[in-house]
Amino acid sequence: MTQHTDFSTRLDDLQQRVATARSAVQAAAAESDAQLKQRIDRAQANLDQSGENARQEASQAADSARAKWAQLKADAAAKMSDVKANIDKRTRQGDAKVAADDADWAEADAAEALDFADWAVENAQLAMLGAIDARAYADKLAKAADNS
């Protein structure tokens, strides 16, 4: 396997990121408004950096699959910027009905993000299996060529 196909390490990293996200969400539920705002700001900064990295990857992408994935990451970063703007807007509003509607929207958006993450994991699994199959086939052809 090449550096780009070390799937086990990448999956371990992803699993750690999920555990970190779970811990952050659980901790956030018990935090003060100021602590939660700081946590959101840190998460937004991390996401902004990820989005910038994705935009750079998209501009440097050599193939369409990498470009599509980089564009998906950039789109997700833009979506998170919208979420942060809505969080900031909510802090300026005092209407309980508006706040309840915003909370419903935010929860639905979070559920959609989890659905997307689930899809992304399934898509990644299929892509990894395809890559493993392609590498096995290439190795088989190379071995056959060496034996001829």
C-alpha atoms as a PDB file:
ATOM      1  CA  MET A   1       0.000   0.000   0.000  1.00  0.00           C
ATOM      2  CA  THR A   2       1.158   3.506  -0.742  1.00  0.00           C
ATOM      3  CA  GLN A   3       1.089   6.502   1.565  1.00  0.00           C
ATOM      4  CA  HIS A   4      -2.299   7.466   0.139  1.00  0.00           C
ATOM      5  CA  THR A   5      -3.789   4.050   0.735  1.00  0.00           C
ATOM      6  CA  ASP A   6      -2.959   3.548   4.413  1.00  0.00           C
ATOM      7  CA  PHE A   7      -6.652   3.213   5.150  1.00  0.00           C
ATOM      8  CA  SER A   8      -6.311   1.709   8.630  1.00  0.00           C
ATOM      9  CA  THR A   9      -4.394   4.726   9.926  1.00  0.00           C
ATOM     10  CA  ARG A  10      -6.845   7.141   8.324  1.00  0.00           C
ATOM     11  CA  LEU A  11      -9.797   5.234   9.820  1.00  0.00           C
ATOM     12  CA  ASP A  12      -8.118   5.277  13.241  1.00  0.00           C
ATOM     13  CA  ASP A  13      -7.675   9.045  12.901  1.00  0.00           C
ATOM     14  CA  LEU A  14     -11.315   9.430  11.897  1.00  0.00           C
ATOM     15  CA  GLN A  15     -12.440   7.298  14.827  1.00  0.00           C
ATOM     16  CA  GLN A  16     -10.413   9.510  17.172  1.00  0.00           C
ATOM     17  CA  ARG A  17     -11.986  12.629  15.660  1.00  0.00           C
ATOM     18  CA  VAL A  18     -15.455  11.158  16.206  1.00  0.00           C
ATOM     19  CA  ALA A  19     -14.578  10.371  19.838  1.00  0.00           C
ATOM     20  CA  THR A  20     -13.276  13.919  20.286  1.00  0.00           C
ATOM     21  CA  ALA A  21     -16.452  15.356  18.733  1.00  0.00           C
ATOM     22  CA  ARG A  22     -18.620  13.182  20.989  1.00  0.00           C
ATOM     23  CA  SER A  23     -16.704  14.347  24.051  1.00  0.00           C
ATOM     24  CA  ALA A  24     -16.954  17.996  22.972  1.00  0.00           C
ATOM     25  CA  VAL A  25     -20.705  17.751  22.393  1.00  0.00           C
ATOM     26  CA  GLN A  26     -21.262  16.075  25.751  1.00  0.00           C
ATOM     27  CA  ALA A  27     -19.144  18.671  27.547  1.00  0.00           C
ATOM     28  CA  ALA A  28     -20.818  21.558  25.723  1.00  0.00           C
ATOM     29  CA  ALA A  29     -24.223  20.558  27.042  1.00  0.00           C
ATOM     30  CA  ALA A  30     -23.107  21.512  30.568  1.00  0.00           C
ATOM     31  CA  GLU A  31     -21.132  24.664  29.752  1.00  0.00           C
ATOM     32  CA  SER A  32     -21.969  28.295  30.351  1.00  0.00           C
ATOM     33  CA  ASP A  33     -22.874  30.552  27.443  1.00  0.00           C
ATOM     34  CA  ALA A  34     -19.373  32.058  27.429  1.00  0.00           C
ATOM     35  CA  GLN A  35     -17.695  28.643  27.458  1.00  0.00           C
ATOM     36  CA  LEU A  36     -19.980  27.410  24.686  1.00  0.00           C
ATOM     37  CA  LYS A  37     -19.222  30.497  22.590  1.00  0.00           C
ATOM     38  CA  GLN A  38     -15.477  29.886  23.020  1.00  0.00           C
ATOM     39  CA  ARG A  39     -15.927  26.244  21.997  1.00  0.00           C
ATOM     40  CA  ILE A  40     -17.928  27.292  18.931  1.00  0.00           C
ATOM     41  CA  ASP A  41     -15.297  29.868  17.980  1.00  0.00           C
ATOM     42  CA  ARG A  42     -12.529  27.229  18.228  1.00  0.00           C
ATOM     43  CA  ALA A  43     -14.567  24.758  16.174  1.00  0.00           C
ATOM     44  CA  GLN A  44     -15.267  27.452  13.588  1.00  0.00           C
ATOM     45  CA  ALA A  45     -11.579  28.347  13.359  1.00  0.00           C
ATOM     46  CA  ASN A  46     -10.707  24.676  12.848  1.00  0.00           C
ATOM     47  CA  LEU A  47     -13.389  24.345  10.204  1.00  0.00           C
ATOM     48  CA  ASP A  48     -12.273  27.538   8.475  1.00  0.00           C
ATOM     49  CA  GLN A  49      -8.746  26.136   8.274  1.00  0.00           C
ATOM     50  CA  SER A  50     -10.097  22.843   6.918  1.00  0.00           C
ATOM     51  CA  GLY A  51     -12.129  24.743   4.335  1.00  0.00           C
ATOM     52  CA  GLU A  52      -9.088  26.734   3.276  1.00  0.00           C
ATOM     53  CA  ASN A  53      -7.090  23.527   2.976  1.00  0.00           C
ATOM     54  CA  ALA A  54      -9.905  22.032   0.879  1.00  0.00           C
ATOM     55  CA  ARG A  55      -9.958  25.055  -1.415  1.00  0.00           C
ATOM     56  CA  GLN A  56      -6.195  24.730  -1.892  1.00  0.00           C
ATOM     57  CA  GLU A  57      -6.564  21.007  -2.587  1.00  0.00           C
ATOM     58  CA  ALA A  58      -9.297  21.728  -5.128  1.00  0.00           C
ATOM     59  CA  SER A  59      -7.081  24.180  -6.961  1.00  0.00           C
ATOM     60  CA  GLN A  60      -4.258  21.637  -6.985  1.00  0.00           C
ATOM     61  CA  ALA A  61      -6.386  18.550  -7.634  1.00  0.00           C
ATOM     62  CA  ALA A  62      -5.072  16.349 -10.386  1.00  0.00           C
ATOM     63  CA  ASP A  63      -8.185  14.227 -10.817  1.00  0.00           C
ATOM     64  CA  SER A  64     -11.911  14.742 -10.578  1.00  0.00           C
ATOM     65  CA  ALA A  65     -12.439  12.543  -7.502  1.00  0.00           C
ATOM     66  CA  ARG A  66     -10.022  14.629  -5.426  1.00  0.00           C
ATOM     67  CA  ALA A  67     -11.547  17.812  -6.800  1.00  0.00           C
ATOM     68  CA  LYS A  68     -15.066  16.640  -5.961  1.00  0.00           C
ATOM     69  CA  TRP A  69     -14.060  15.700  -2.416  1.00  0.00           C
ATOM     70  CA  ALA A  70     -12.234  18.986  -1.911  1.00  0.00           C
ATOM     71  CA  GLN A  71     -15.302  20.843  -3.163  1.00  0.00           C
ATOM     72  CA  LEU A  72     -17.511  18.878  -0.746  1.00  0.00           C
ATOM     73  CA  LYS A  73     -15.238  19.863   2.129  1.00  0.00           C
ATOM     74  CA  ALA A  74     -15.253  23.496   1.033  1.00  0.00           C
ATOM     75  CA  ASP A  75     -19.057  23.438   0.786  1.00  0.00           C
ATOM     76  CA  ALA A  76     -19.280  21.943   4.273  1.00  0.00           C
ATOM     77  CA  ALA A  77     -17.047  24.704   5.607  1.00  0.00           C
ATOM     78  CA  ALA A  78     -19.302  27.310   4.009  1.00  0.00           C
ATOM     79  CA  LYS A  79     -22.342  25.620   5.560  1.00  0.00           C
ATOM     80  CA  MET A  80     -20.685  25.780   8.974  1.00  0.00           C
ATOM     81  CA  SER A  81     -20.048  29.474   8.492  1.00  0.00           C
ATOM     82  CA  ASP A  82     -23.799  29.849   7.973  1.00  0.00           C
ATOM     83  CA  VAL A  83     -24.426  27.890  11.178  1.00  0.00           C
ATOM     84  CA  LYS A  84     -22.064  30.179  13.085  1.00  0.00           C
ATOM     85  CA  ALA A  85     -23.812  33.244  11.660  1.00  0.00           C
ATOM     86  CA  ASN A  86     -27.132  31.845  12.835  1.00  0.00           C
ATOM     87  CA  ILE A  87     -25.676  31.214  16.297  1.00  0.00           C
ATOM     88  CA  ASP A  88     -24.489  34.814  16.427  1.00  0.00           C
ATOM     89  CA  LYS A  89     -27.908  36.013  15.245  1.00  0.00           C
ATOM     90  CA  ARG A  90     -29.662  34.011  17.960  1.00  0.00           C
ATOM     91  CA  THR A  91     -27.594  35.680  20.651  1.00  0.00           C
ATOM     92  CA  ARG A  92     -29.011  39.015  19.494  1.00  0.00           C
ATOM     93  CA  GLN A  93     -32.633  37.897  19.508  1.00  0.00           C
ATOM     94  CA  GLY A  94     -34.870  37.735  22.555  1.00  0.00           C
ATOM     95  CA  ASP A  95     -38.128  36.284  21.205  1.00  0.00           C
ATOM     96  CA  ALA A  96     -38.817  32.843  22.728  1.00  0.00           C
ATOM     97  CA  LYS A  97     -40.793  31.647  19.683  1.00  0.00           C
ATOM     98  CA  VAL A  98     -38.038  32.711  17.298  1.00  0.00           C
ATOM     99  CA  ALA A  99     -35.466  31.064  19.573  1.00  0.00           C
ATOM    100  CA  ALA A 100     -37.491  27.827  19.647  1.00  0.00           C
ATOM    101  CA  ASP A 101     -37.808  27.858  15.860  1.00  0.00           C
ATOM    102  CA  ASP A 102     -34.055  28.471  15.546  1.00  0.00           C
ATOM    103  CA  ALA A 103     -33.370  25.600  17.942  1.00  0.00           C
ATOM    104  CA  ASP A 104     -35.596  23.303  15.849  1.00  0.00           C
ATOM    105  CA  TRP A 105     -33.717  24.385  12.721  1.00  0.00           C
ATOM    106  CA  ALA A 106     -30.334  23.890  14.370  1.00  0.00           C
ATOM    107  CA  GLU A 107     -31.283  20.404  15.578  1.00  0.00           C
ATOM    108  CA  ALA A 108     -32.554  19.467  12.114  1.00  0.00           C
ATOM    109  CA  ASP A 109     -29.338  20.812  10.593  1.00  0.00           C
ATOM    110  CA  ALA A 110     -27.279  18.762  13.050  1.00  0.00           C
ATOM    111  CA  ALA A 111     -29.296  15.659  12.142  1.00  0.00           C
ATOM    112  CA  GLU A 112     -28.653  16.332   8.442  1.00  0.00           C
ATOM    113  CA  ALA A 113     -24.938  16.740   9.159  1.00  0.00           C
ATOM    114  CA  LEU A 114     -24.936  13.361  10.907  1.00  0.00           C
ATOM    115  CA  ASP A 115     -26.791  11.834   7.951  1.00  0.00           C
ATOM    116  CA  PHE A 116     -24.135  13.285   5.642  1.00  0.00           C
ATOM    117  CA  ALA A 117     -21.373  11.916   7.872  1.00  0.00           C
ATOM    118  CA  ASP A 118     -23.019   8.485   7.757  1.00  0.00           C
ATOM    119  CA  TRP A 119     -23.202   8.693   3.960  1.00  0.00           C
ATOM    120  CA  ALA A 120     -19.589   9.874   3.814  1.00  0.00           C
ATOM    121  CA  VAL A 121     -18.440   6.875   5.860  1.00  0.00           C
ATOM    122  CA  GLU A 122     -20.350   4.482   3.591  1.00  0.00           C
ATOM    123  CA  ASN A 123     -18.958   6.239   0.519  1.00  0.00           C
ATOM    124  CA  ALA A 124     -15.438   6.121   1.961  1.00  0.00           C
ATOM    125  CA  GLN A 125     -15.805   2.407   2.665  1.00  0.00           C
ATOM    126  CA  LEU A 126     -16.850   1.748  -0.915  1.00  0.00           C
ATOM    127  CA  ALA A 127     -14.004   3.917  -2.231  1.00  0.00           C
ATOM    128  CA  MET A 128     -11.452   2.109  -0.040  1.00  0.00           C
ATOM    129  CA  LEU A 129     -12.719  -1.309  -1.142  1.00  0.00           C
ATOM    130  CA  GLY A 130     -12.516  -0.157  -4.760  1.00  0.00           C
ATOM    131  CA  ALA A 131      -8.973   1.112  -4.199  1.00  0.00           C
ATOM    132  CA  ILE A 132      -7.916  -2.159  -2.570  1.00  0.00           C
ATOM    133  CA  ASP A 133      -9.428  -4.092  -5.482  1.00  0.00           C
ATOM    134  CA  ALA A 134      -7.719  -1.829  -8.021  1.00  0.00           C
ATOM    135  CA  ARG A 135      -4.348  -2.227  -6.262  1.00  0.00           C
ATOM    136  CA  ALA A 136      -4.759  -6.023  -6.068  1.00  0.00           C
ATOM    137  CA  TYR A 137      -5.601  -6.128  -9.780  1.00  0.00           C
ATOM    138  CA  ALA A 138      -2.636  -3.912 -10.675  1.00  0.00           C
ATOM    139  CA  ASP A 139      -0.318  -6.066  -8.559  1.00  0.00           C
ATOM    140  CA  LYS A 140      -1.709  -9.220 -10.213  1.00  0.00           C
ATOM    141  CA  LEU A 141      -1.074  -7.785 -13.687  1.00  0.00           C
ATOM    142  CA  ALA A 142       2.414  -6.647 -12.711  1.00  0.00           C
ATOM    143  CA  LYS A 143       3.221 -10.108 -11.331  1.00  0.00           C
ATOM    144  CA  ALA A 144       1.886 -11.743 -14.498  1.00  0.00           C
ATOM    145  CA  ALA A 145       4.019  -9.393 -16.611  1.00  0.00           C
ATOM    146  CA  ASP A 146       7.098 -10.235 -14.538  1.00  0.00           C
ATOM    147  CA  ASN A 147       6.461 -13.958 -15.016  1.00  0.00           C
ATOM    148  CA  SER A 148       6.138 -13.715 -18.780  1.00  0.00           C
END
